[in-house]
PDB file of N, CA and C in Angstrom:
ATOM      1  N   MET A   1     203.638 206.906  21.690  1.00  0.00           N
ATOM      2  CA  MET A   1     203.079 206.810  22.809  1.00  0.00           C
ATOM      3  C   MET A   1     201.551 206.912  23.267  1.00  0.00           C
ATOM      4  N   SER A   2     200.178 205.909  23.270  1.00  0.00           N
ATOM      5  CA  SER A   2     199.244 206.544  23.404  1.00  0.00           C
ATOM      6  C   SER A   2     198.909 206.755  24.997  1.00  0.00           C
ATOM      7  N   THR A   3     197.743 207.729  25.705  1.00  0.00           N
ATOM      8  CA  THR A   3     197.204 207.906  26.861  1.00  0.00           C
ATOM      9  C   THR A   3     195.542 206.792  27.151  1.00  0.00           C
ATOM     10  N   ILE A   4     195.930 205.949  28.866  1.00  0.00           N
ATOM     11  CA  ILE A   4     195.082 206.047  28.999  1.00  0.00           C
ATOM     12  C   ILE A   4     193.575 205.688  28.553  1.00  0.00           C
ATOM     13  N   GLY A   5     193.387 207.179  28.973  1.00  0.00           N
ATOM     14  CA  GLY A   5     191.844 207.473  28.625  1.00  0.00           C
ATOM     15  C   GLY A   5     191.105 207.217  29.351  1.00  0.00           C
ATOM     16  N   VAL A   6     189.734 207.790  29.426  1.00  0.00           N
ATOM     17  CA  VAL A   6     188.883 207.284  30.236  1.00  0.00           C
ATOM     18  C   VAL A   6     188.596 206.111  30.427  1.00  0.00           C
ATOM     19  N   PRO A   7     187.899 205.379  29.310  1.00  0.00           N
ATOM     20  CA  PRO A   7     187.749 203.713  29.175  1.00  0.00           C
ATOM     21  C   PRO A   7     189.354 202.765  30.307  1.00  0.00           C
ATOM     22  N   GLY A   8     190.093 203.038  29.566  1.00  0.00           N
ATOM     23  CA  GLY A   8     191.824 202.648  30.879  1.00  0.00           C
ATOM     24  C   GLY A   8     191.017 203.039  32.094  1.00  0.00           C
ATOM     25  N   LEU A   9     190.520 203.687  32.191  1.00  0.00           N
ATOM     26  CA  LEU A   9     191.169 204.535  33.987  1.00  0.00           C
ATOM     27  C   LEU A   9     189.813 203.678  34.374  1.00  0.00           C
ATOM     28  N   ILE A  10     188.738 203.584  34.027  1.00  0.00           N
ATOM     29  CA  ILE A  10     187.809 203.028  34.495  1.00  0.00           C
ATOM     30  C   ILE A  10     187.835 201.901  34.790  1.00  0.00           C
ATOM     31  N   LEU A  11     189.055 200.945  33.527  1.00  0.00           N
ATOM     32  CA  LEU A  11     188.989 199.731  33.818  1.00  0.00           C
ATOM     33  C   LEU A  11     189.940 199.619  35.035  1.00  0.00           C
ATOM     34  N   ILE A  12     191.040 199.995  34.520  1.00  0.00           N
ATOM     35  CA  ILE A  12     191.603 200.498  35.963  1.00  0.00           C
ATOM     36  C   ILE A  12     190.968 200.012  37.902  1.00  0.00           C
ATOM     37  N   VAL A  13     190.096 200.971  37.635  1.00  0.00           N
ATOM     38  CA  VAL A  13     189.512 201.471  38.661  1.00  0.00           C
ATOM     39  C   VAL A  13     188.649 199.953  39.206  1.00  0.00           C
ATOM     40  N   LEU A  14     187.855 199.451  38.289  1.00  0.00           N
ATOM     41  CA  LEU A  14     186.932 197.526  38.640  1.00  0.00           C
ATOM     42  C   LEU A  14     188.165 197.796  38.966  1.00  0.00           C
ATOM     43  N   ALA A  15     189.105 197.150  38.267  1.00  0.00           N
ATOM     44  CA  ALA A  15     189.959 195.801  38.601  1.00  0.00           C
ATOM     45  C   ALA A  15     190.739 196.103  39.824  1.00  0.00           C
ATOM     46  N   ALA A  16     191.099 197.139  40.280  1.00  0.00           N
ATOM     47  CA  ALA A  16     191.203 197.741  41.859  1.00  0.00           C
ATOM     48  C   ALA A  16     190.344 197.178  42.766  1.00  0.00           C
ATOM     49  N   LEU A  17     188.553 198.137  42.559  1.00  0.00           N
ATOM     50  CA  LEU A  17     188.146 197.210  43.608  1.00  0.00           C
ATOM     51  C   LEU A  17     187.523 195.493  43.440  1.00  0.00           C
ATOM     52  N   LEU A  18     188.077 195.313  42.818  1.00  0.00           N
ATOM     53  CA  LEU A  18     187.503 193.583  42.630  1.00  0.00           C
ATOM     54  C   LEU A  18     188.776 193.103  42.940  1.00  0.00           C
ATOM     55  N   LEU A  19     190.211 193.502  42.608  1.00  0.00           N
ATOM     56  CA  LEU A  19     190.924 192.933  43.643  1.00  0.00           C
ATOM     57  C   LEU A  19     191.136 193.339  45.617  1.00  0.00           C
ATOM     58  N   PHE A  20     191.039 194.278  45.188  1.00  0.00           N
ATOM     59  CA  PHE A  20     191.784 194.683  47.236  1.00  0.00           C
ATOM     60  C   PHE A  20     189.879 194.948  47.519  1.00  0.00           C
ATOM     61  N   GLY A  21     188.245 194.916  47.781  1.00  0.00           N
ATOM     62  CA  GLY A  21     187.357 195.553  48.024  1.00  0.00           C
ATOM     63  C   GLY A  21     187.220 196.914  47.806  1.00  0.00           C
ATOM     64  N   PRO A  22     186.139 197.396  48.782  1.00  0.00           N
ATOM     65  CA  PRO A  22     186.122 198.917  49.139  1.00  0.00           C
ATOM     66  C   PRO A  22     186.025 199.099  49.802  1.00  0.00           C
ATOM     67  N   SER A  23     186.485 198.607  51.632  1.00  0.00           N
ATOM     68  CA  SER A  23     187.083 198.786  52.415  1.00  0.00           C
ATOM     69  C   SER A  23     188.659 199.016  52.517  1.00  0.00           C
ATOM     70  N   LYS A  24     189.403 198.746  51.116  1.00  0.00           N
ATOM     71  CA  LYS A  24     190.852 199.130  51.925  1.00  0.00           C
ATOM     72  C   LYS A  24     191.316 199.748  50.514  1.00  0.00           C
ATOM     73  N   LEU A  25     190.455 200.018  49.680  1.00  0.00           N
ATOM     74  CA  LEU A  25     191.024 201.163  48.485  1.00  0.00           C
ATOM     75  C   LEU A  25     190.805 202.395  49.009  1.00  0.00           C
ATOM     76  N   PRO A  26     190.478 203.232  50.433  1.00  0.00           N
ATOM     77  CA  PRO A  26     190.944 204.522  51.495  1.00  0.00           C
ATOM     78  C   PRO A  26     192.344 204.009  51.554  1.00  0.00           C
ATOM     79  N   GLU A  27     192.154 203.113  52.522  1.00  0.00           N
ATOM     80  CA  GLU A  27     193.595 202.650  53.399  1.00  0.00           C
ATOM     81  C   GLU A  27     194.711 202.460  51.930  1.00  0.00           C
ATOM     82  N   LEU A  28     194.748 202.215  51.131  1.00  0.00           N
ATOM     83  CA  LEU A  28     195.317 202.078  49.939  1.00  0.00           C
ATOM     84  C   LEU A  28     195.778 203.964  49.651  1.00  0.00           C
ATOM     85  N   GLY A  29     195.140 204.534  49.714  1.00  0.00           N
ATOM     86  CA  GLY A  29     195.347 205.709  48.671  1.00  0.00           C
ATOM     87  C   GLY A  29     196.083 207.069  49.709  1.00  0.00           C
ATOM     88  N   ARG A  30     196.064 206.555  50.633  1.00  0.00           N
ATOM     89  CA  ARG A  30     197.316 207.745  51.607  1.00  0.00           C
ATOM     90  C   ARG A  30     197.777 206.559  51.811  1.00  0.00           C
ATOM     91  N   ALA A  31     198.155 205.708  51.703  1.00  0.00           N
ATOM     92  CA  ALA A  31     199.619 205.032  51.857  1.00  0.00           C
ATOM     93  C   ALA A  31     200.213 205.837  50.774  1.00  0.00           C
ATOM     94  N   ALA A  32     199.635 205.411  49.580  1.00  0.00           N
ATOM     95  CA  ALA A  32     200.802 205.663  48.106  1.00  0.00           C
ATOM     96  C   ALA A  32     200.452 207.168  48.739  1.00  0.00           C
ATOM     97  N   GLY A  33     199.514 208.071  48.882  1.00  0.00           N
ATOM     98  CA  GLY A  33     199.488 209.742  48.968  1.00  0.00           C
ATOM     99  C   GLY A  33     201.256 210.042  49.547  1.00  0.00           C
ATOM    100  N   ARG A  34     201.202 209.424  50.823  1.00  0.00           N
ATOM    101  CA  ARG A  34     202.190 208.900  52.203  1.00  0.00           C
ATOM    102  C   ARG A  34     203.465 209.282  51.163  1.00  0.00           C
ATOM    103  N   THR A  35     203.214 208.016  51.036  1.00  0.00           N
ATOM    104  CA  THR A  35     204.224 207.186  49.789  1.00  0.00           C
ATOM    105  C   THR A  35     205.101 208.696  48.711  1.00  0.00           C
ATOM    106  N   LEU A  36     204.465 208.978  48.555  1.00  0.00           N
ATOM    107  CA  LEU A  36     204.434 210.435  47.012  1.00  0.00           C
ATOM    108  C   LEU A  36     205.082 211.411  47.712  1.00  0.00           C
ATOM    109  N   LYS A  37     204.445 211.826  49.109  1.00  0.00           N
ATOM    110  CA  LYS A  37     204.572 212.431  48.852  1.00  0.00           C
ATOM    111  C   LYS A  37     206.370 213.421  49.972  1.00  0.00           C
ATOM    112  N   GLU A  38     206.307 211.575  50.838  1.00  0.00           N
ATOM    113  CA  GLU A  38     208.186 211.565  51.425  1.00  0.00           C
ATOM    114  C   GLU A  38     209.003 211.192  50.469  1.00  0.00           C
ATOM    115  N   PHE A  39     208.214 211.187  49.202  1.00  0.00           N
ATOM    116  CA  PHE A  39     209.182 211.060  47.780  1.00  0.00           C
ATOM    117  C   PHE A  39     209.854 212.655  47.820  1.00  0.00           C
ATOM    118  N   LYS A  40     208.531 213.141  46.871  1.00  0.00           N
ATOM    119  CA  LYS A  40     209.140 214.770  47.119  1.00  0.00           C
ATOM    120  C   LYS A  40     209.438 215.554  47.604  1.00  0.00           C
ATOM    121  N   ASP A  41     209.620 215.489  49.448  1.00  0.00           N
ATOM    122  CA  ASP A  41     210.112 215.505  50.336  1.00  0.00           C
ATOM    123  C   ASP A  41     211.467 216.212  50.017  1.00  0.00           C
ATOM    124  N   SER A  42     212.030 214.000  49.505  1.00  0.00           N
ATOM    125  CA  SER A  42     213.565 214.241  49.726  1.00  0.00           C
ATOM    126  C   SER A  42     214.228 214.501  48.942  1.00  0.00           C
ATOM    127  N   VAL A  43     212.891 214.320  47.530  1.00  0.00           N
ATOM    128  CA  VAL A  43     213.842 214.871  46.819  1.00  0.00           C
ATOM    129  C   VAL A  43     214.559 216.546  46.212  1.00  0.00           C
ATOM    130  N   SER A  44     213.373 217.153  47.594  1.00  0.00           N
ATOM    131  CA  SER A  44     213.664 218.479  47.101  1.00  0.00           C
ATOM    132  C   SER A  44     214.460 218.590  48.416  1.00  0.00           C
ATOM    133  N   GLY A  45     214.934 217.995  49.007  1.00  0.00           N
ATOM    134  CA  GLY A  45     215.750 218.126  50.370  1.00  0.00           C
ATOM    135  C   GLY A  45     217.496 217.895  49.394  1.00  0.00           C
ATOM    136  N   ILE A  46     217.380 217.036  48.635  1.00  0.00           N
ATOM    137  CA  ILE A  46     218.704 216.599  47.945  1.00  0.00           C
ATOM    138  C   ILE A  46     218.944 217.555  46.151  1.00  0.00           C
ATOM    139  N   THR A  47     217.635 218.187  45.947  1.00  0.00           N
ATOM    140  CA  THR A  47     218.347 219.572  45.588  1.00  0.00           C
ATOM    141  C   THR A  47     218.469 220.708  45.629  1.00  0.00           C
ATOM    142  N   GLU A  48     217.882 220.690  47.447  1.00  0.00           N
ATOM    143  CA  GLU A  48     217.943 221.825  48.234  1.00  0.00           C
ATOM    144  C   GLU A  48     219.826 222.402  48.429  1.00  0.00           C
ATOM    145  N   GLU A  49     220.448 220.577  48.925  1.00  0.00           N
ATOM    146  CA  GLU A  49     221.793 220.355  49.319  1.00  0.00           C
ATOM    147  C   GLU A  49     222.744 220.615  47.821  1.00  0.00           C
ATOM    148  N   LYS A  50     222.333 220.867  47.195  1.00  0.00           N
ATOM    149  CA  LYS A  50     222.611 220.168  46.150  1.00  0.00           C
ATOM    150  C   LYS A  50     223.177 221.818  45.757  1.00  0.00           C
ATOM    151  N   LYS A  51     222.308 222.817  46.115  1.00  0.00           N
ATOM    152  CA  LYS A  51     222.458 223.930  45.646  1.00  0.00           C
ATOM    153  C   LYS A  51     222.519 224.832  46.501  1.00  0.00           C
ATOM    154  N   ASP A  52     222.366 224.620  48.061  1.00  0.00           N
ATOM    155  CA  ASP A  52     223.505 224.842  48.910  1.00  0.00           C
ATOM    156  C   ASP A  52     225.328 224.732  48.576  1.00  0.00           C
ATOM    157  N   ALA A  53     225.240 223.822  48.264  1.00  0.00           N
ATOM    158  CA  ALA A  53     226.391 223.447  47.950  1.00  0.00           C
ATOM    159  C   ALA A  53     227.216 224.019  46.803  1.00  0.00           C
ATOM    160  N   SER A  54     226.824 224.299  45.797  1.00  0.00           N
ATOM    161  CA  SER A  54     227.515 225.231  44.505  1.00  0.00           C
ATOM    162  C   SER A  54     227.172 226.467  44.989  1.00  0.00           C
ATOM    163  N   ASP A  55     226.472 227.027  45.593  1.00  0.00           N
ATOM    164  CA  ASP A  55     226.279 228.602  45.586  1.00  0.00           C
ATOM    165  C   ASP A  55     227.919 228.792  46.840  1.00  0.00           C
ATOM    166  N   PRO A  56     228.310 229.775  46.130  1.00  0.00           N
ATOM    167  CA  PRO A  56     229.638 230.660  47.202  1.00  0.00           C
ATOM    168  C   PRO A  56     229.254 231.186  48.131  1.00  0.00           C
ATOM    169  N   PRO A  57     230.390 230.877  49.068  1.00  0.00           N
ATOM    170  CA  PRO A  57     230.087 231.556  50.344  1.00  0.00           C
ATOM    171  C   PRO A  57     229.898 233.453  50.332  1.00  0.00           C
ATOM    172  N   ARG A  58     228.874 233.677  51.030  1.00  0.00           N
ATOM    173  CA  ARG A  58     228.645 235.063  51.259  1.00  0.00           C
ATOM    174  C   ARG A  58     229.575 235.991  52.053  1.00  0.00           C
ATOM    175  N   GLU A  59     229.686 237.386  52.442  1.00  0.00           N
ATOM    176  CA  GLU A  59     230.424 238.522  53.101  1.00  0.00           C
ATOM    177  C   GLU A  59     230.006 237.784  54.819  1.00  0.00           C
ATOM    178  N   THR A  60     228.754 237.911  54.540  1.00  0.00           N
ATOM    179  CA  THR A  60     228.576 236.892  56.253  1.00  0.00           C
ATOM    180  C   THR A  60     228.290 235.881  56.937  1.00  0.00           C
ATOM    181  N   ASP A  61     229.026 235.044  55.973  1.00  0.00           N
ATOM    182  CA  ASP A  61     228.799 233.508  56.316  1.00  0.00           C
ATOM    183  C   ASP A  61     230.325 233.306  56.287  1.00  0.00           C
ATOM    184  N   ARG A  62     231.380 234.382  55.989  1.00  0.00           N
ATOM    185  CA  ARG A  62     232.360 233.721  56.320  1.00  0.00           C
ATOM    186  C   ARG A  62     232.709 234.410  57.420  1.00  0.00           C
ATOM    187  N   LYS A  63     234.399 233.409  58.376  1.00  0.00           N
ATOM    188  CA  LYS A  63     234.328 233.892  60.037  1.00  0.00           C
ATOM    189  C   LYS A  63     235.891 234.458  59.851  1.00  0.00           C
ATOM    190  N   SER A  64     235.629 235.480  60.486  1.00  0.00           N
ATOM    191  CA  SER A  64     237.264 236.541  60.901  1.00  0.00           C
ATOM    192  C   SER A  64     237.964 235.587  61.305  1.00  0.00           C
TER     193      SER A  64
END
């Protein structure tokens, strides 16, 4: 599997510039960043829930 490289990256940026225009690119970048952050937060939450569920209860967690 090959990598994109600098020429491929330049081609992708130019294509995006032609398709969306210079005024829309910052907006699209912010939306993509928010989406990735939301995804990361939700995945982090799921892994924390699994970790908490697999931990045995401690003495301080038990009710008498």
